[in-house]
Amino acid sequence: MTIRARLRAFAAFWYDFVVGDDWRAAFAVVLALGVTFVLGRLSVNAWFVLPAAVAVVLPWSLWRAVRRR
């Protein structure tokens, strides 16, 4: 196995692990992380952003998955 094939397999693993079946949910989590970072840099207490994002994104993602079937 060449180094290029190994790098491609490594990237494919991480893409599948992070994005999985729903790129919209992965994008929403990355967006929530970005909002948390920005609020933290502005010295705002931003602990609530990620739990709120999970509370919204998880049911939304499940609803979309069930609706597809």
PDB file of N, CA and C in Angstrom:
ATOM      1  N   MET A   1       0.843  -1.175   0.000  1.00  0.00           N
ATOM      2  CA  MET A   1       0.000   0.000   0.000  1.00  0.00           C
ATOM      3  C   MET A   1       0.891   1.243   0.000  1.00  0.00           C
ATOM      4  N   THR A   2       0.655   2.121  -0.936  1.00  0.00           N
ATOM      5  CA  THR A   2       1.481   3.324  -1.045  1.00  0.00           C
ATOM      6  C   THR A   2       1.070   4.368  -0.009  1.00  0.00           C
ATOM      7  N   ILE A   3       1.921   5.340   0.158  1.00  0.00           N
ATOM      8  CA  ILE A   3       1.650   6.417   1.114  1.00  0.00           C
ATOM      9  C   ILE A   3       0.417   7.210   0.694  1.00  0.00           C
ATOM     10  N   ARG A   4       0.253   7.384  -0.616  1.00  0.00           N
ATOM     11  CA  ARG A   4      -0.924   8.107  -1.111  1.00  0.00           C
ATOM     12  C   ARG A   4      -2.208   7.355  -0.786  1.00  0.00           C
ATOM     13  N   ALA A   5      -2.205   6.043  -0.953  1.00  0.00           N
ATOM     14  CA  ALA A   5      -3.385   5.237  -0.640  1.00  0.00           C
ATOM     15  C   ALA A   5      -3.671   5.257   0.852  1.00  0.00           C
ATOM     16  N   ARG A   6      -2.638   5.246   1.667  1.00  0.00           N
ATOM     17  CA  ARG A   6      -2.830   5.321   3.119  1.00  0.00           C
ATOM     18  C   ARG A   6      -3.417   6.669   3.531  1.00  0.00           C
ATOM     19  N   LEU A   7      -2.901   7.743   2.950  1.00  0.00           N
ATOM     20  CA  LEU A   7      -3.443   9.069   3.254  1.00  0.00           C
ATOM     21  C   LEU A   7      -4.897   9.200   2.815  1.00  0.00           C
ATOM     22  N   ARG A   8      -5.208   8.645   1.657  1.00  0.00           N
ATOM     23  CA  ARG A   8      -6.590   8.678   1.174  1.00  0.00           C
ATOM     24  C   ARG A   8      -7.504   7.877   2.093  1.00  0.00           C
ATOM     25  N   ALA A   9      -7.060   6.715   2.549  1.00  0.00           N
ATOM     26  CA  ALA A   9      -7.859   5.898   3.466  1.00  0.00           C
ATOM     27  C   ALA A   9      -8.034   6.605   4.805  1.00  0.00           C
ATOM     28  N   PHE A  10      -6.981   7.262   5.277  1.00  0.00           N
ATOM     29  CA  PHE A  10      -7.054   8.010   6.531  1.00  0.00           C
ATOM     30  C   PHE A  10      -8.051   9.153   6.422  1.00  0.00           C
ATOM     31  N   ALA A  11      -7.989   9.906   5.325  1.00  0.00           N
ATOM     32  CA  ALA A  11      -8.930  11.010   5.116  1.00  0.00           C
ATOM     33  C   ALA A  11     -10.358  10.499   4.963  1.00  0.00           C
ATOM     34  N   ALA A  12     -10.530   9.394   4.261  1.00  0.00           N
ATOM     35  CA  ALA A  12     -11.871   8.827   4.089  1.00  0.00           C
ATOM     36  C   ALA A  12     -12.451   8.375   5.418  1.00  0.00           C
ATOM     37  N   PHE A  13     -11.618   7.794   6.282  1.00  0.00           N
ATOM     38  CA  PHE A  13     -12.083   7.390   7.608  1.00  0.00           C
ATOM     39  C   PHE A  13     -12.580   8.599   8.395  1.00  0.00           C
ATOM     40  N   TRP A  14     -11.774   9.664   8.438  1.00  0.00           N
ATOM     41  CA  TRP A  14     -12.152  10.834   9.234  1.00  0.00           C
ATOM     42  C   TRP A  14     -13.368  11.535   8.658  1.00  0.00           C
ATOM     43  N   TYR A  15     -13.481  11.578   7.350  1.00  0.00           N
ATOM     44  CA  TYR A  15     -14.666  12.168   6.732  1.00  0.00           C
ATOM     45  C   TYR A  15     -15.906  11.374   7.125  1.00  0.00           C
ATOM     46  N   ASP A  16     -15.826  10.060   7.018  1.00  0.00           N
ATOM     47  CA  ASP A  16     -16.964   9.213   7.375  1.00  0.00           C
ATOM     48  C   ASP A  16     -17.268   9.296   8.865  1.00  0.00           C
ATOM     49  N   PHE A  17     -16.243   9.403   9.695  1.00  0.00           N
ATOM     50  CA  PHE A  17     -16.441   9.482  11.142  1.00  0.00           C
ATOM     51  C   PHE A  17     -17.082  10.801  11.551  1.00  0.00           C
ATOM     52  N   VAL A  18     -16.607  11.904  10.978  1.00  0.00           N
ATOM     53  CA  VAL A  18     -17.113  13.221  11.372  1.00  0.00           C
ATOM     54  C   VAL A  18     -18.435  13.533  10.684  1.00  0.00           C
ATOM     55  N   VAL A  19     -18.505  13.347   9.398  1.00  0.00           N
ATOM     56  CA  VAL A  19     -19.702  13.714   8.652  1.00  0.00           C
ATOM     57  C   VAL A  19     -20.747  12.614   8.721  1.00  0.00           C
ATOM     58  N   GLY A  20     -20.330  11.384   8.536  1.00  0.00           N
ATOM     59  CA  GLY A  20     -21.262  10.263   8.607  1.00  0.00           C
ATOM     60  C   GLY A  20     -22.333  10.344   7.547  1.00  0.00           C
ATOM     61  N   ASP A  21     -23.566  10.132   7.960  1.00  0.00           N
ATOM     62  CA  ASP A  21     -24.680  10.118   7.021  1.00  0.00           C
ATOM     63  C   ASP A  21     -25.320  11.486   6.827  1.00  0.00           C
ATOM     64  N   ASP A  22     -25.051  12.415   7.719  1.00  0.00           N
ATOM     65  CA  ASP A  22     -25.751  13.693   7.669  1.00  0.00           C
ATOM     66  C   ASP A  22     -24.774  14.858   7.757  1.00  0.00           C
ATOM     67  N   TRP A  23     -24.429  15.419   6.618  1.00  0.00           N
ATOM     68  CA  TRP A  23     -23.483  16.521   6.606  1.00  0.00           C
ATOM     69  C   TRP A  23     -24.074  17.768   7.249  1.00  0.00           C
ATOM     70  N   ARG A  24     -25.404  17.869   7.249  1.00  0.00           N
ATOM     71  CA  ARG A  24     -26.033  19.048   7.851  1.00  0.00           C
ATOM     72  C   ARG A  24     -25.835  19.073   9.359  1.00  0.00           C
ATOM     73  N   ALA A  25     -25.933  17.916   9.992  1.00  0.00           N
ATOM     74  CA  ALA A  25     -25.710  17.837  11.438  1.00  0.00           C
ATOM     75  C   ALA A  25     -24.252  18.139  11.763  1.00  0.00           C
ATOM     76  N   ALA A  26     -23.333  17.632  10.964  1.00  0.00           N
ATOM     77  CA  ALA A  26     -21.912  17.920  11.184  1.00  0.00           C
ATOM     78  C   ALA A  26     -21.641  19.410  11.011  1.00  0.00           C
ATOM     79  N   PHE A  27     -22.257  20.026  10.023  1.00  0.00           N
ATOM     80  CA  PHE A  27     -22.090  21.460   9.804  1.00  0.00           C
ATOM     81  C   PHE A  27     -22.647  22.249  10.983  1.00  0.00           C
ATOM     82  N   ALA A  28     -23.792  21.836  11.504  1.00  0.00           N
ATOM     83  CA  ALA A  28     -24.395  22.532  12.646  1.00  0.00           C
ATOM     84  C   ALA A  28     -23.507  22.441  13.881  1.00  0.00           C
ATOM     85  N   VAL A  29     -22.876  21.306  14.095  1.00  0.00           N
ATOM     86  CA  VAL A  29     -21.976  21.151  15.240  1.00  0.00           C
ATOM     87  C   VAL A  29     -20.733  22.025  15.060  1.00  0.00           C
ATOM     88  N   VAL A  30     -20.179  22.056  13.861  1.00  0.00           N
ATOM     89  CA  VAL A  30     -19.020  22.912  13.597  1.00  0.00           C
ATOM     90  C   VAL A  30     -19.412  24.379  13.771  1.00  0.00           C
ATOM     91  N   LEU A  31     -20.588  24.746  13.323  1.00  0.00           N
ATOM     92  CA  LEU A  31     -21.077  26.108  13.510  1.00  0.00           C
ATOM     93  C   LEU A  31     -21.223  26.439  14.997  1.00  0.00           C
ATOM     94  N   ALA A  32     -21.769  25.508  15.787  1.00  0.00           N
ATOM     95  CA  ALA A  32     -21.908  25.730  17.228  1.00  0.00           C
ATOM     96  C   ALA A  32     -20.540  25.864  17.896  1.00  0.00           C
ATOM     97  N   LEU A  33     -19.568  25.068  17.467  1.00  0.00           N
ATOM     98  CA  LEU A  33     -18.220  25.210  17.999  1.00  0.00           C
ATOM     99  C   LEU A  33     -17.640  26.578  17.660  1.00  0.00           C
ATOM    100  N   GLY A  34     -17.883  27.044  16.451  1.00  0.00           N
ATOM    101  CA  GLY A  34     -17.410  28.364  16.055  1.00  0.00           C
ATOM    102  C   GLY A  34     -18.061  29.477  16.863  1.00  0.00           C
ATOM    103  N   VAL A  35     -19.361  29.380  17.085  1.00  0.00           N
ATOM    104  CA  VAL A  35     -20.061  30.382  17.901  1.00  0.00           C
ATOM    105  C   VAL A  35     -19.530  30.366  19.324  1.00  0.00           C
ATOM    106  N   THR A  36     -19.295  29.174  19.867  1.00  0.00           N
ATOM    107  CA  THR A  36     -18.746  29.061  21.215  1.00  0.00           C
ATOM    108  C   THR A  36     -17.360  29.708  21.287  1.00  0.00           C
ATOM    109  N   PHE A  37     -16.551  29.474  20.276  1.00  0.00           N
ATOM    110  CA  PHE A  37     -15.214  30.057  20.247  1.00  0.00           C
ATOM    111  C   PHE A  37     -15.284  31.586  20.212  1.00  0.00           C
ATOM    112  N   VAL A  38     -16.116  32.111  19.324  1.00  0.00           N
ATOM    113  CA  VAL A  38     -16.220  33.562  19.191  1.00  0.00           C
ATOM    114  C   VAL A  38     -16.745  34.184  20.476  1.00  0.00           C
ATOM    115  N   LEU A  39     -17.780  33.606  21.061  1.00  0.00           N
ATOM    116  CA  LEU A  39     -18.319  34.147  22.308  1.00  0.00           C
ATOM    117  C   LEU A  39     -17.293  34.059  23.436  1.00  0.00           C
ATOM    118  N   GLY A  40     -16.539  32.990  23.467  1.00  0.00           N
ATOM    119  CA  GLY A  40     -15.495  32.852  24.476  1.00  0.00           C
ATOM    120  C   GLY A  40     -14.406  33.894  24.324  1.00  0.00           C
ATOM    121  N   ARG A  41     -14.031  34.199  23.075  1.00  0.00           N
ATOM    122  CA  ARG A  41     -13.023  35.233  22.836  1.00  0.00           C
ATOM    123  C   ARG A  41     -13.543  36.620  23.217  1.00  0.00           C
ATOM    124  N   LEU A  42     -14.862  36.788  23.196  1.00  0.00           N
ATOM    125  CA  LEU A  42     -15.469  38.061  23.586  1.00  0.00           C
ATOM    126  C   LEU A  42     -15.748  38.115  25.090  1.00  0.00           C
ATOM    127  N   SER A  43     -15.238  37.141  25.814  1.00  0.00           N
ATOM    128  CA  SER A  43     -15.411  37.035  27.272  1.00  0.00           C
ATOM    129  C   SER A  43     -16.868  36.855  27.682  1.00  0.00           C
ATOM    130  N   VAL A  44     -17.638  36.227  26.825  1.00  0.00           N
ATOM    131  CA  VAL A  44     -19.024  35.895  27.148  1.00  0.00           C
ATOM    132  C   VAL A  44     -19.049  34.470  27.662  1.00  0.00           C
ATOM    133  N   ASN A  45     -19.814  34.239  28.704  1.00  0.00           N
ATOM    134  CA  ASN A  45     -19.962  32.889  29.239  1.00  0.00           C
ATOM    135  C   ASN A  45     -20.764  32.064  28.223  1.00  0.00           C
ATOM    136  N   ALA A  46     -20.101  31.192  27.480  1.00  0.00           N
ATOM    137  CA  ALA A  46     -20.715  30.517  26.334  1.00  0.00           C
ATOM    138  C   ALA A  46     -20.898  29.023  26.549  1.00  0.00           C
ATOM    139  N   TRP A  47     -20.974  28.568  27.782  1.00  0.00           N
ATOM    140  CA  TRP A  47     -21.089  27.134  28.047  1.00  0.00           C
ATOM    141  C   TRP A  47     -22.388  26.556  27.510  1.00  0.00           C
ATOM    142  N   PHE A  48     -23.409  27.360  27.360  1.00  0.00           N
ATOM    143  CA  PHE A  48     -24.743  26.891  26.989  1.00  0.00           C
ATOM    144  C   PHE A  48     -24.898  26.622  25.494  1.00  0.00           C
ATOM    145  N   VAL A  49     -23.979  27.089  24.670  1.00  0.00           N
ATOM    146  CA  VAL A  49     -24.153  26.997  23.216  1.00  0.00           C
ATOM    147  C   VAL A  49     -24.127  25.547  22.743  1.00  0.00           C
ATOM    148  N   LEU A  50     -23.144  24.769  23.160  1.00  0.00           N
ATOM    149  CA  LEU A  50     -23.049  23.379  22.689  1.00  0.00           C
ATOM    150  C   LEU A  50     -24.189  22.494  23.188  1.00  0.00           C
ATOM    151  N   PRO A  51     -24.565  22.544  24.484  1.00  0.00           N
ATOM    152  CA  PRO A  51     -25.733  21.742  24.886  1.00  0.00           C
ATOM    153  C   PRO A  51     -27.012  22.154  24.148  1.00  0.00           C
ATOM    154  N   ALA A  52     -27.177  23.446  23.912  1.00  0.00           N
ATOM    155  CA  ALA A  52     -28.355  23.905  23.164  1.00  0.00           C
ATOM    156  C   ALA A  52     -28.309  23.398  21.724  1.00  0.00           C
ATOM    157  N   ALA A  53     -27.138  23.422  21.119  1.00  0.00           N
ATOM    158  CA  ALA A  53     -27.006  22.926  19.751  1.00  0.00           C
ATOM    159  C   ALA A  53     -27.315  21.435  19.674  1.00  0.00           C
ATOM    160  N   VAL A  54     -26.833  20.677  20.628  1.00  0.00           N
ATOM    161  CA  VAL A  54     -27.124  19.237  20.647  1.00  0.00           C
ATOM    162  C   VAL A  54     -28.610  19.007  20.863  1.00  0.00           C
ATOM    163  N   ALA A  55     -29.219  19.792  21.746  1.00  0.00           N
ATOM    164  CA  ALA A  55     -30.650  19.643  22.023  1.00  0.00           C
ATOM    165  C   ALA A  55     -31.502  19.949  20.791  1.00  0.00           C
ATOM    166  N   VAL A  56     -31.003  20.783  19.897  1.00  0.00           N
ATOM    167  CA  VAL A  56     -31.741  21.116  18.675  1.00  0.00           C
ATOM    168  C   VAL A  56     -31.364  20.187  17.531  1.00  0.00           C
ATOM    169  N   VAL A  57     -30.069  19.943  17.345  1.00  0.00           N
ATOM    170  CA  VAL A  57     -29.592  19.202  16.175  1.00  0.00           C
ATOM    171  C   VAL A  57     -29.922  17.717  16.264  1.00  0.00           C
ATOM    172  N   LEU A  58     -29.808  17.121  17.429  1.00  0.00           N
ATOM    173  CA  LEU A  58     -30.068  15.683  17.547  1.00  0.00           C
ATOM    174  C   LEU A  58     -31.506  15.308  17.189  1.00  0.00           C
ATOM    175  N   PRO A  59     -32.531  15.944  17.770  1.00  0.00           N
ATOM    176  CA  PRO A  59     -33.892  15.597  17.345  1.00  0.00           C
ATOM    177  C   PRO A  59     -34.155  15.918  15.878  1.00  0.00           C
ATOM    178  N   TRP A  60     -33.588  17.017  15.397  1.00  0.00           N
ATOM    179  CA  TRP A  60     -33.761  17.384  13.990  1.00  0.00           C
ATOM    180  C   TRP A  60     -33.166  16.323  13.071  1.00  0.00           C
ATOM    181  N   SER A  61     -31.978  15.846  13.410  1.00  0.00           N
ATOM    182  CA  SER A  61     -31.324  14.818  12.608  1.00  0.00           C
ATOM    183  C   SER A  61     -32.096  13.492  12.667  1.00  0.00           C
ATOM    184  N   LEU A  62     -32.561  13.138  13.836  1.00  0.00           N
ATOM    185  CA  LEU A  62     -33.351  11.910  13.964  1.00  0.00           C
ATOM    186  C   LEU A  62     -34.659  12.010  13.193  1.00  0.00           C
ATOM    187  N   TRP A  63     -35.309  13.154  13.256  1.00  0.00           N
ATOM    188  CA  TRP A  63     -36.560  13.356  12.530  1.00  0.00           C
ATOM    189  C   TRP A  63     -36.339  13.197  11.029  1.00  0.00           C
ATOM    190  N   ARG A  64     -35.236  13.778  10.538  1.00  0.00           N
ATOM    191  CA  ARG A  64     -34.935  13.671   9.118  1.00  0.00           C
ATOM    192  C   ARG A  64     -34.635  12.222   8.724  1.00  0.00           C
ATOM    193  N   ALA A  65     -33.945  11.473   9.595  1.00  0.00           N
ATOM    194  CA  ALA A  65     -33.610  10.083   9.286  1.00  0.00           C
ATOM    195  C   ALA A  65     -34.856   9.205   9.264  1.00  0.00           C
ATOM    196  N   VAL A  66     -35.751   9.424  10.203  1.00  0.00           N
ATOM    197  CA  VAL A  66     -36.982   8.627  10.259  1.00  0.00           C
ATOM    198  C   VAL A  66     -37.892   8.973   9.096  1.00  0.00           C
ATOM    199  N   ARG A  67     -37.957  10.233   8.732  1.00  0.00           N
ATOM    200  CA  ARG A  67     -38.810  10.673   7.633  1.00  0.00           C
ATOM    201  C   ARG A  67     -38.371  10.078   6.314  1.00  0.00           C
ATOM    202  N   ARG A  68     -37.045   9.876   6.132  1.00  0.00           N
ATOM    203  CA  ARG A  68     -36.523   9.303   4.887  1.00  0.00           C
ATOM    204  C   ARG A  68     -36.953   7.852   4.683  1.00  0.00           C
ATOM    205  N   ARG A  69     -37.204   7.142   5.733  1.00  0.00           N
ATOM    206  CA  ARG A  69     -37.530   5.715   5.609  1.00  0.00           C
ATOM    207  C   ARG A  69     -38.974   5.530   5.443  1.00  0.00           C
TER     208      ARG A  69
END
